[in-house]
Amino acid sequence: MARFSFYLSISLAVALACASSAAPADPASTAPDADDGTADAVLTRTITALDKQLFDAYNACDLDTFTPLFSSTVEFFHDKGGATFDRDSVIKATRENICHKVRRELLPATLKIYPIHDYGAIEEGEHIFCHVATGQCEGSARFLMIWKRDGERWQLTRIVSYGHRPLTEKEKAELAPRKTAAVR
């Protein structure tokens, strides 16, 4: 049951990374180089900044910031936890399974952004999840998120979280210096 809760937490983390109601004031200031040539630089910076905004709220359990980032009809598909078809269910699961228990970290080199003509963007990548209490990073997953743009407002409409797996001992060792720095 604990492992299922951890995977559910990972799923929710993915969902959180995907949605935002408004772009931050200066997306360029927080965006890594995530453009693989398929998206323009402005779109890449915008989606990268939205990902940061979403997961900063997720990691802090700031549900007031987190909630409006999702469409009311968001669809969230998780290879281990099943499917969810509304924002209220995503928020409830986050509150119960993620808040103050799990922290998400994006692996920036895996982030790719693709435009969707007259709709928004696709964001894909990989991230890791760490237990807040111990600081131990235990799992990894891939994600695909669909963002819809309505004027200046961006919201997550679809999330697919898949490929959940435990981190290898080598990956854990490589993360140890980052984990120690994050705890300080």
N, C-alpha and C. Protein backbone atom coordinates (compact mmCIF):
# COMPACT_ATOMS: atom_id res chain seq x y z
N MET A 1 0.82 -1.19 0.00
CA MET A 1 0.00 0.00 0.00
C MET A 1 0.87 1.26 0.00
N ALA A 2 1.95 1.22 0.76
CA ALA A 2 2.84 2.38 0.80
C ALA A 2 3.45 2.64 -0.57
N ARG A 3 3.82 1.57 -1.28
CA ARG A 3 4.40 1.73 -2.62
C ARG A 3 3.37 2.32 -3.57
N PHE A 4 2.09 1.86 -3.46
CA PHE A 4 1.05 2.40 -4.31
C PHE A 4 0.88 3.90 -4.04
N SER A 5 0.86 4.27 -2.74
CA SER A 5 0.72 5.69 -2.39
C SER A 5 1.88 6.50 -2.96
N PHE A 6 3.09 5.92 -2.93
CA PHE A 6 4.24 6.61 -3.48
C PHE A 6 4.06 6.83 -4.99
N TYR A 7 3.61 5.77 -5.71
CA TYR A 7 3.39 5.91 -7.14
C TYR A 7 2.27 6.89 -7.44
N LEU A 8 1.21 6.87 -6.61
CA LEU A 8 0.13 7.82 -6.79
C LEU A 8 0.67 9.23 -6.58
N SER A 9 1.52 9.37 -5.59
CA SER A 9 2.12 10.67 -5.32
C SER A 9 2.94 11.13 -6.52
N ILE A 10 3.67 10.23 -7.10
CA ILE A 10 4.47 10.57 -8.28
C ILE A 10 3.55 11.02 -9.40
N SER A 11 2.44 10.31 -9.57
CA SER A 11 1.50 10.67 -10.62
C SER A 11 0.97 12.06 -10.43
N LEU A 12 0.63 12.37 -9.20
CA LEU A 12 0.09 13.68 -8.93
C LEU A 12 1.14 14.74 -9.15
N ALA A 13 2.34 14.41 -8.84
CA ALA A 13 3.42 15.36 -9.07
C ALA A 13 3.50 15.71 -10.53
N VAL A 14 3.36 14.72 -11.36
CA VAL A 14 3.39 14.94 -12.79
C VAL A 14 2.25 15.84 -13.20
N ALA A 15 1.10 15.55 -12.66
CA ALA A 15 -0.06 16.35 -13.00
C ALA A 15 0.15 17.79 -12.61
N LEU A 16 0.73 18.00 -11.47
CA LEU A 16 0.93 19.35 -10.99
C LEU A 16 1.88 20.12 -11.86
N ALA A 17 2.83 19.45 -12.40
CA ALA A 17 3.81 20.14 -13.22
C ALA A 17 3.21 20.65 -14.48
N CYS A 18 2.07 20.16 -14.81
CA CYS A 18 1.52 20.41 -16.12
C CYS A 18 0.64 21.62 -16.25
N ALA A 19 0.13 22.16 -15.17
CA ALA A 19 -0.94 23.11 -15.36
C ALA A 19 -0.65 24.45 -14.74
N SER A 20 -1.14 25.49 -15.43
CA SER A 20 -1.02 26.81 -14.85
C SER A 20 -2.09 27.71 -15.42
N SER A 21 -2.60 28.59 -14.59
CA SER A 21 -3.65 29.50 -15.04
C SER A 21 -3.10 30.73 -15.74
N ALA A 22 -1.89 31.11 -15.43
CA ALA A 22 -1.31 32.29 -16.07
C ALA A 22 0.19 32.13 -16.13
N ALA A 23 0.78 32.65 -17.16
CA ALA A 23 2.23 32.58 -17.29
C ALA A 23 2.88 33.52 -16.28
N PRO A 24 4.03 33.12 -15.72
CA PRO A 24 4.74 34.01 -14.81
C PRO A 24 5.17 35.28 -15.54
N ALA A 25 5.44 36.33 -14.76
CA ALA A 25 5.78 37.62 -15.34
C ALA A 25 6.98 37.55 -16.26
N ASP A 26 8.00 36.78 -15.88
CA ASP A 26 9.21 36.69 -16.70
C ASP A 26 9.62 35.24 -16.88
N PRO A 27 8.97 34.52 -17.81
CA PRO A 27 9.29 33.11 -18.01
C PRO A 27 10.75 32.87 -18.36
N ALA A 28 11.39 33.79 -19.01
CA ALA A 28 12.77 33.59 -19.45
C ALA A 28 13.73 33.45 -18.28
N SER A 29 13.38 34.04 -17.15
CA SER A 29 14.31 34.03 -16.02
C SER A 29 14.43 32.66 -15.36
N THR A 30 13.47 31.75 -15.59
CA THR A 30 13.50 30.45 -14.92
C THR A 30 13.65 29.28 -15.88
N ALA A 31 13.73 29.52 -17.16
CA ALA A 31 13.68 28.44 -18.13
C ALA A 31 15.06 27.90 -18.48
N PRO A 32 15.25 26.56 -18.34
CA PRO A 32 16.48 25.99 -18.87
C PRO A 32 16.38 25.89 -20.39
N ASP A 33 17.45 25.51 -21.01
CA ASP A 33 17.44 25.35 -22.46
C ASP A 33 16.75 24.04 -22.80
N ALA A 34 15.43 24.11 -23.02
CA ALA A 34 14.64 22.91 -23.25
C ALA A 34 14.12 22.84 -24.68
N ASP A 35 14.59 23.70 -25.55
CA ASP A 35 14.09 23.75 -26.92
C ASP A 35 14.84 22.76 -27.79
N ASP A 36 14.11 21.80 -28.34
CA ASP A 36 14.73 20.81 -29.21
C ASP A 36 14.56 21.18 -30.68
N GLY A 37 14.17 22.40 -30.96
CA GLY A 37 14.02 22.86 -32.33
C GLY A 37 12.60 22.77 -32.84
N THR A 38 11.69 22.16 -32.08
CA THR A 38 10.32 22.04 -32.55
C THR A 38 9.43 23.16 -32.02
N ALA A 39 9.82 23.80 -30.95
CA ALA A 39 9.05 24.90 -30.39
C ALA A 39 9.88 26.17 -30.47
N ASP A 40 9.19 27.29 -30.55
CA ASP A 40 9.95 28.52 -30.55
C ASP A 40 10.44 28.82 -29.14
N ALA A 41 11.42 29.69 -29.05
CA ALA A 41 12.07 29.98 -27.76
C ALA A 41 11.09 30.55 -26.74
N VAL A 42 10.16 31.39 -27.18
CA VAL A 42 9.21 31.99 -26.24
C VAL A 42 8.29 30.91 -25.67
N LEU A 43 7.78 30.03 -26.52
CA LEU A 43 6.92 28.94 -26.03
C LEU A 43 7.69 28.04 -25.07
N THR A 44 8.91 27.72 -25.40
CA THR A 44 9.73 26.87 -24.53
C THR A 44 9.93 27.52 -23.16
N ARG A 45 10.26 28.80 -23.15
CA ARG A 45 10.44 29.50 -21.86
C ARG A 45 9.14 29.55 -21.08
N THR A 46 8.03 29.79 -21.77
CA THR A 46 6.73 29.88 -21.10
C THR A 46 6.35 28.56 -20.45
N ILE A 47 6.43 27.47 -21.19
CA ILE A 47 6.03 26.17 -20.64
C ILE A 47 6.99 25.73 -19.55
N THR A 48 8.27 25.99 -19.72
CA THR A 48 9.24 25.65 -18.68
C THR A 48 8.94 26.41 -17.40
N ALA A 49 8.60 27.69 -17.53
CA ALA A 49 8.27 28.50 -16.35
C ALA A 49 6.97 28.01 -15.70
N LEU A 50 6.00 27.60 -16.51
CA LEU A 50 4.76 27.05 -15.95
C LEU A 50 5.03 25.75 -15.20
N ASP A 51 5.91 24.92 -15.73
CA ASP A 51 6.28 23.68 -15.05
C ASP A 51 6.87 24.02 -13.67
N LYS A 52 7.75 25.00 -13.64
CA LYS A 52 8.36 25.41 -12.37
C LYS A 52 7.31 25.94 -11.40
N GLN A 53 6.42 26.78 -11.90
CA GLN A 53 5.36 27.33 -11.05
C GLN A 53 4.49 26.22 -10.48
N LEU A 54 4.11 25.28 -11.32
CA LEU A 54 3.27 24.16 -10.90
C LEU A 54 3.95 23.33 -9.82
N PHE A 55 5.20 22.95 -10.06
CA PHE A 55 5.86 22.06 -9.11
C PHE A 55 6.40 22.77 -7.88
N ASP A 56 6.64 24.06 -7.97
CA ASP A 56 6.94 24.80 -6.74
C ASP A 56 5.71 24.77 -5.83
N ALA A 57 4.53 24.94 -6.41
CA ALA A 57 3.28 24.85 -5.63
C ALA A 57 3.07 23.43 -5.11
N TYR A 58 3.33 22.46 -5.93
CA TYR A 58 3.21 21.04 -5.56
C TYR A 58 4.13 20.73 -4.38
N ASN A 59 5.39 21.11 -4.50
CA ASN A 59 6.38 20.81 -3.46
C ASN A 59 6.08 21.53 -2.15
N ALA A 60 5.45 22.70 -2.21
CA ALA A 60 5.12 23.47 -1.01
C ALA A 60 3.71 23.18 -0.50
N CYS A 61 2.96 22.35 -1.21
CA CYS A 61 1.55 22.08 -0.90
C CYS A 61 0.75 23.39 -0.88
N ASP A 62 1.04 24.24 -1.84
CA ASP A 62 0.33 25.50 -2.01
C ASP A 62 -0.85 25.25 -2.96
N LEU A 63 -1.93 24.70 -2.42
CA LEU A 63 -3.06 24.29 -3.25
C LEU A 63 -3.81 25.49 -3.83
N ASP A 64 -3.69 26.67 -3.22
CA ASP A 64 -4.32 27.87 -3.79
C ASP A 64 -3.68 28.24 -5.12
N THR A 65 -2.38 28.04 -5.24
CA THR A 65 -1.68 28.28 -6.51
C THR A 65 -1.85 27.10 -7.44
N PHE A 66 -1.80 25.92 -6.90
CA PHE A 66 -1.84 24.68 -7.65
C PHE A 66 -3.16 24.45 -8.38
N THR A 67 -4.27 24.61 -7.69
CA THR A 67 -5.60 24.25 -8.21
C THR A 67 -5.96 24.92 -9.53
N PRO A 68 -5.82 26.23 -9.67
CA PRO A 68 -6.26 26.85 -10.93
C PRO A 68 -5.39 26.52 -12.14
N LEU A 69 -4.32 25.79 -11.93
CA LEU A 69 -3.47 25.40 -13.05
C LEU A 69 -4.07 24.27 -13.87
N PHE A 70 -5.13 23.65 -13.37
CA PHE A 70 -5.77 22.53 -14.04
C PHE A 70 -7.14 22.92 -14.58
N SER A 71 -7.44 22.41 -15.75
CA SER A 71 -8.79 22.53 -16.29
C SER A 71 -9.73 21.75 -15.36
N SER A 72 -10.97 22.21 -15.24
CA SER A 72 -11.93 21.49 -14.40
C SER A 72 -12.18 20.08 -14.92
N THR A 73 -11.92 19.85 -16.20
CA THR A 73 -12.13 18.54 -16.81
C THR A 73 -10.82 17.84 -17.17
N VAL A 74 -9.76 18.14 -16.43
CA VAL A 74 -8.45 17.54 -16.70
C VAL A 74 -8.57 16.01 -16.67
N GLU A 75 -7.88 15.38 -17.59
CA GLU A 75 -7.79 13.92 -17.62
C GLU A 75 -6.36 13.54 -17.28
N PHE A 76 -6.23 12.67 -16.27
CA PHE A 76 -4.92 12.27 -15.78
C PHE A 76 -4.83 10.75 -15.83
N PHE A 77 -3.91 10.25 -16.65
CA PHE A 77 -3.73 8.81 -16.84
C PHE A 77 -2.39 8.40 -16.23
N HIS A 78 -2.43 7.40 -15.36
CA HIS A 78 -1.24 6.95 -14.63
C HIS A 78 -1.10 5.45 -14.80
N ASP A 79 0.08 5.00 -15.24
CA ASP A 79 0.27 3.59 -15.51
C ASP A 79 0.11 2.70 -14.29
N LYS A 80 0.34 3.21 -13.10
CA LYS A 80 0.22 2.40 -11.88
C LYS A 80 -1.07 2.69 -11.11
N GLY A 81 -1.56 3.92 -11.19
CA GLY A 81 -2.68 4.33 -10.36
C GLY A 81 -4.02 4.43 -11.06
N GLY A 82 -4.07 4.33 -12.39
CA GLY A 82 -5.34 4.42 -13.10
C GLY A 82 -5.58 5.78 -13.69
N ALA A 83 -6.86 6.13 -13.81
CA ALA A 83 -7.25 7.38 -14.48
C ALA A 83 -8.13 8.23 -13.57
N THR A 84 -8.02 9.54 -13.76
CA THR A 84 -8.83 10.53 -13.05
C THR A 84 -9.34 11.50 -14.10
N PHE A 85 -10.59 11.96 -13.93
CA PHE A 85 -11.21 12.76 -14.98
C PHE A 85 -11.73 14.12 -14.53
N ASP A 86 -11.19 14.67 -13.44
CA ASP A 86 -11.60 16.00 -13.03
C ASP A 86 -10.58 16.61 -12.06
N ARG A 87 -10.57 17.93 -12.01
CA ARG A 87 -9.64 18.67 -11.17
C ARG A 87 -9.83 18.35 -9.68
N ASP A 88 -11.08 18.28 -9.22
CA ASP A 88 -11.31 18.04 -7.80
C ASP A 88 -10.66 16.74 -7.32
N SER A 89 -10.71 15.70 -8.15
CA SER A 89 -10.09 14.42 -7.77
C SER A 89 -8.57 14.54 -7.73
N VAL A 90 -8.00 15.28 -8.65
CA VAL A 90 -6.55 15.49 -8.66
C VAL A 90 -6.12 16.25 -7.41
N ILE A 91 -6.86 17.28 -7.06
CA ILE A 91 -6.51 18.09 -5.88
C ILE A 91 -6.66 17.26 -4.61
N LYS A 92 -7.72 16.51 -4.50
CA LYS A 92 -7.94 15.66 -3.32
C LYS A 92 -6.80 14.65 -3.17
N ALA A 93 -6.44 13.99 -4.24
CA ALA A 93 -5.35 13.00 -4.19
C ALA A 93 -4.02 13.67 -3.84
N THR A 94 -3.81 14.87 -4.34
CA THR A 94 -2.58 15.60 -4.00
C THR A 94 -2.55 15.92 -2.51
N ARG A 95 -3.65 16.45 -2.02
CA ARG A 95 -3.73 16.80 -0.60
C ARG A 95 -3.47 15.57 0.28
N GLU A 96 -4.06 14.44 -0.07
CA GLU A 96 -3.98 13.24 0.77
C GLU A 96 -2.68 12.46 0.59
N ASN A 97 -2.11 12.46 -0.59
CA ASN A 97 -0.98 11.57 -0.88
C ASN A 97 0.36 12.25 -1.15
N ILE A 98 0.34 13.54 -1.45
CA ILE A 98 1.56 14.23 -1.85
C ILE A 98 2.02 15.26 -0.83
N CYS A 99 1.11 16.07 -0.37
CA CYS A 99 1.45 17.21 0.49
C CYS A 99 2.33 16.80 1.67
N HIS A 100 3.49 17.44 1.73
CA HIS A 100 4.46 17.26 2.81
C HIS A 100 5.00 15.84 2.89
N LYS A 101 4.80 15.05 1.82
CA LYS A 101 5.30 13.68 1.77
C LYS A 101 6.28 13.45 0.64
N VAL A 102 6.01 14.08 -0.51
CA VAL A 102 6.80 13.83 -1.72
C VAL A 102 7.22 15.16 -2.35
N ARG A 103 8.44 15.19 -2.88
CA ARG A 103 8.97 16.35 -3.60
C ARG A 103 9.33 15.90 -5.01
N ARG A 104 8.98 16.69 -5.99
CA ARG A 104 9.28 16.38 -7.39
C ARG A 104 10.44 17.22 -7.86
N GLU A 105 11.33 16.60 -8.64
CA GLU A 105 12.44 17.31 -9.27
C GLU A 105 12.45 16.96 -10.76
N LEU A 106 12.37 17.97 -11.60
CA LEU A 106 12.47 17.79 -13.04
C LEU A 106 13.91 17.45 -13.41
N LEU A 107 14.07 16.56 -14.37
CA LEU A 107 15.39 16.33 -14.97
C LEU A 107 15.43 17.23 -16.21
N PRO A 108 15.99 18.43 -16.09
CA PRO A 108 15.89 19.46 -17.14
C PRO A 108 16.35 19.00 -18.52
N ALA A 109 17.34 18.14 -18.60
CA ALA A 109 17.85 17.71 -19.91
C ALA A 109 16.82 16.89 -20.68
N THR A 110 15.79 16.37 -20.00
CA THR A 110 14.79 15.54 -20.67
C THR A 110 13.59 16.33 -21.17
N LEU A 111 13.49 17.60 -20.81
CA LEU A 111 12.32 18.40 -21.13
C LEU A 111 12.27 18.77 -22.60
N LYS A 112 11.12 18.52 -23.22
CA LYS A 112 10.89 18.89 -24.62
C LYS A 112 9.51 19.55 -24.72
N ILE A 113 9.44 20.55 -25.56
CA ILE A 113 8.21 21.32 -25.75
C ILE A 113 7.86 21.28 -27.23
N TYR A 114 6.58 21.03 -27.52
CA TYR A 114 6.11 20.99 -28.90
C TYR A 114 4.85 21.84 -29.01
N PRO A 115 4.75 22.70 -30.00
CA PRO A 115 3.53 23.51 -30.16
C PRO A 115 2.38 22.65 -30.68
N ILE A 116 1.17 23.03 -30.30
CA ILE A 116 -0.05 22.46 -30.88
C ILE A 116 -0.78 23.64 -31.52
N HIS A 117 -0.84 23.65 -32.83
CA HIS A 117 -1.43 24.76 -33.57
C HIS A 117 -2.84 25.07 -33.07
N ASP A 118 -3.09 26.35 -32.79
CA ASP A 118 -4.40 26.85 -32.35
C ASP A 118 -4.93 26.18 -31.09
N TYR A 119 -4.04 25.64 -30.26
CA TYR A 119 -4.48 25.03 -28.99
C TYR A 119 -3.54 25.37 -27.84
N GLY A 120 -2.27 24.97 -27.96
CA GLY A 120 -1.35 25.19 -26.86
C GLY A 120 -0.03 24.50 -27.08
N ALA A 121 0.29 23.54 -26.19
CA ALA A 121 1.60 22.90 -26.27
C ALA A 121 1.59 21.53 -25.62
N ILE A 122 2.55 20.73 -26.04
CA ILE A 122 2.83 19.44 -25.42
C ILE A 122 4.14 19.60 -24.65
N GLU A 123 4.16 19.12 -23.43
CA GLU A 123 5.38 19.09 -22.62
C GLU A 123 5.66 17.64 -22.28
N GLU A 124 6.89 17.23 -22.51
CA GLU A 124 7.26 15.87 -22.13
C GLU A 124 8.62 15.88 -21.44
N GLY A 125 8.83 14.89 -20.62
CA GLY A 125 10.11 14.80 -19.93
C GLY A 125 10.11 13.69 -18.90
N GLU A 126 11.08 13.78 -18.01
CA GLU A 126 11.22 12.80 -16.94
C GLU A 126 11.51 13.57 -15.65
N HIS A 127 11.02 13.01 -14.55
CA HIS A 127 11.31 13.61 -13.26
C HIS A 127 11.49 12.53 -12.21
N ILE A 128 12.05 12.95 -11.07
CA ILE A 128 12.26 12.04 -9.96
C ILE A 128 11.44 12.53 -8.78
N PHE A 129 11.19 11.61 -7.85
CA PHE A 129 10.41 11.93 -6.66
C PHE A 129 11.17 11.50 -5.43
N CYS A 130 11.13 12.38 -4.44
CA CYS A 130 11.89 12.17 -3.22
C CYS A 130 10.94 12.27 -2.02
N HIS A 131 11.20 11.47 -1.01
CA HIS A 131 10.42 11.54 0.23
C HIS A 131 10.86 12.77 1.00
N VAL A 132 9.91 13.58 1.41
CA VAL A 132 10.23 14.81 2.14
C VAL A 132 10.88 14.48 3.49
N ALA A 133 10.35 13.49 4.21
CA ALA A 133 10.83 13.18 5.56
C ALA A 133 12.29 12.75 5.59
N THR A 134 12.70 11.97 4.58
CA THR A 134 14.05 11.41 4.59
C THR A 134 14.98 12.08 3.60
N GLY A 135 14.42 12.76 2.61
CA GLY A 135 15.23 13.34 1.55
C GLY A 135 15.66 12.31 0.51
N GLN A 136 15.29 11.05 0.72
CA GLN A 136 15.68 9.99 -0.20
C GLN A 136 14.88 10.07 -1.49
N CYS A 137 15.59 10.07 -2.61
CA CYS A 137 14.95 10.05 -3.93
C CYS A 137 14.87 8.59 -4.35
N GLU A 138 13.66 8.13 -4.60
CA GLU A 138 13.44 6.71 -4.82
C GLU A 138 12.92 6.34 -6.20
N GLY A 139 12.16 7.23 -6.85
CA GLY A 139 11.51 6.83 -8.08
C GLY A 139 11.64 7.83 -9.21
N SER A 140 11.40 7.33 -10.41
CA SER A 140 11.46 8.13 -11.62
C SER A 140 10.23 7.81 -12.47
N ALA A 141 9.81 8.77 -13.28
CA ALA A 141 8.70 8.55 -14.20
C ALA A 141 8.84 9.49 -15.38
N ARG A 142 8.22 9.13 -16.47
CA ARG A 142 8.12 9.97 -17.65
C ARG A 142 6.75 10.64 -17.62
N PHE A 143 6.63 11.76 -18.29
CA PHE A 143 5.34 12.45 -18.33
C PHE A 143 5.13 13.09 -19.69
N LEU A 144 3.86 13.23 -20.02
CA LEU A 144 3.42 13.94 -21.21
C LEU A 144 2.23 14.78 -20.76
N MET A 145 2.31 16.08 -20.97
CA MET A 145 1.25 16.97 -20.52
C MET A 145 0.78 17.84 -21.68
N ILE A 146 -0.51 18.04 -21.75
CA ILE A 146 -1.10 18.88 -22.79
C ILE A 146 -1.60 20.16 -22.13
N TRP A 147 -1.05 21.27 -22.60
CA TRP A 147 -1.42 22.59 -22.11
C TRP A 147 -2.36 23.26 -23.11
N LYS A 148 -3.39 23.91 -22.61
CA LYS A 148 -4.29 24.69 -23.45
C LYS A 148 -4.11 26.16 -23.11
N ARG A 149 -3.98 26.95 -24.15
CA ARG A 149 -3.84 28.40 -23.97
C ARG A 149 -5.15 29.08 -24.33
N ASP A 150 -5.60 29.93 -23.42
CA ASP A 150 -6.79 30.75 -23.66
C ASP A 150 -6.39 32.18 -23.33
N GLY A 151 -6.02 32.95 -24.35
CA GLY A 151 -5.47 34.28 -24.12
C GLY A 151 -4.12 34.15 -23.43
N GLU A 152 -3.98 34.74 -22.27
CA GLU A 152 -2.75 34.63 -21.49
C GLU A 152 -2.83 33.50 -20.47
N ARG A 153 -3.95 32.85 -20.36
CA ARG A 153 -4.16 31.78 -19.38
C ARG A 153 -3.80 30.43 -19.98
N TRP A 154 -3.02 29.67 -19.22
CA TRP A 154 -2.63 28.31 -19.60
C TRP A 154 -3.16 27.34 -18.56
N GLN A 155 -3.74 26.23 -19.00
CA GLN A 155 -4.19 25.19 -18.09
C GLN A 155 -3.86 23.82 -18.66
N LEU A 156 -3.64 22.92 -17.76
CA LEU A 156 -3.40 21.54 -18.13
C LEU A 156 -4.72 20.84 -18.40
N THR A 157 -4.82 20.18 -19.55
CA THR A 157 -6.05 19.47 -19.90
C THR A 157 -5.87 17.95 -19.93
N ARG A 158 -4.67 17.48 -20.21
CA ARG A 158 -4.39 16.04 -20.24
C ARG A 158 -3.01 15.80 -19.66
N ILE A 159 -2.89 14.72 -18.88
CA ILE A 159 -1.61 14.31 -18.32
C ILE A 159 -1.50 12.80 -18.46
N VAL A 160 -0.35 12.36 -18.92
CA VAL A 160 -0.04 10.94 -18.97
C VAL A 160 1.25 10.74 -18.18
N SER A 161 1.18 9.91 -17.16
CA SER A 161 2.32 9.64 -16.30
C SER A 161 2.63 8.14 -16.43
N TYR A 162 3.83 7.82 -16.88
CA TYR A 162 4.11 6.43 -17.22
C TYR A 162 5.59 6.09 -17.01
N GLY A 163 5.88 4.81 -17.10
CA GLY A 163 7.26 4.37 -16.97
C GLY A 163 7.79 4.52 -15.55
N HIS A 164 6.91 4.44 -14.57
CA HIS A 164 7.35 4.55 -13.18
C HIS A 164 8.28 3.40 -12.84
N ARG A 165 9.38 3.77 -12.20
CA ARG A 165 10.37 2.76 -11.83
C ARG A 165 11.18 3.25 -10.65
N PRO A 166 11.76 2.32 -9.90
CA PRO A 166 12.67 2.73 -8.84
C PRO A 166 13.98 3.23 -9.45
N LEU A 167 14.64 4.14 -8.78
CA LEU A 167 15.95 4.59 -9.23
C LEU A 167 16.98 3.49 -8.99
N THR A 168 17.95 3.41 -9.88
CA THR A 168 19.04 2.45 -9.68
C THR A 168 19.97 2.98 -8.59
N GLU A 169 20.80 2.12 -8.06
CA GLU A 169 21.77 2.56 -7.04
C GLU A 169 22.71 3.62 -7.62
N LYS A 170 23.07 3.47 -8.88
CA LYS A 170 23.94 4.47 -9.53
C LYS A 170 23.24 5.83 -9.59
N GLU A 171 21.96 5.84 -9.98
CA GLU A 171 21.21 7.10 -10.04
C GLU A 171 21.10 7.74 -8.65
N LYS A 172 20.85 6.92 -7.65
CA LYS A 172 20.76 7.44 -6.27
C LYS A 172 22.09 8.07 -5.85
N ALA A 173 23.18 7.41 -6.19
CA ALA A 173 24.51 7.93 -5.82
C ALA A 173 24.77 9.26 -6.52
N GLU A 174 24.37 9.37 -7.78
CA GLU A 174 24.56 10.62 -8.53
C GLU A 174 23.72 11.75 -7.95
N LEU A 175 22.57 11.42 -7.35
CA LEU A 175 21.69 12.42 -6.77
C LEU A 175 22.11 12.84 -5.37
N ALA A 176 22.91 12.05 -4.71
CA ALA A 176 23.28 12.31 -3.31
C ALA A 176 23.83 13.72 -3.08
N PRO A 177 24.75 14.22 -3.92
CA PRO A 177 25.25 15.58 -3.68
C PRO A 177 24.13 16.63 -3.78
N ARG A 178 23.19 16.45 -4.71
CA ARG A 178 22.08 17.40 -4.87
C ARG A 178 21.16 17.32 -3.67
N LYS A 179 20.90 16.10 -3.20
CA LYS A 179 20.03 15.91 -2.07
C LYS A 179 20.59 16.59 -0.83
N THR A 180 21.88 16.42 -0.59
CA THR A 180 22.53 17.05 0.55
C THR A 180 22.43 18.56 0.46
N ALA A 181 22.65 19.12 -0.72
CA ALA A 181 22.56 20.56 -0.90
C ALA A 181 21.13 21.06 -0.69
N ALA A 182 20.12 20.27 -1.11
CA ALA A 182 18.74 20.68 -0.96
C ALA A 182 18.30 20.70 0.50
N VAL A 183 18.87 19.82 1.31
CA VAL A 183 18.51 19.73 2.72
C VAL A 183 19.05 20.91 3.51
N ARG A 184 20.19 21.45 3.11
CA ARG A 184 20.83 22.56 3.84
C ARG A 184 20.01 23.81 3.82
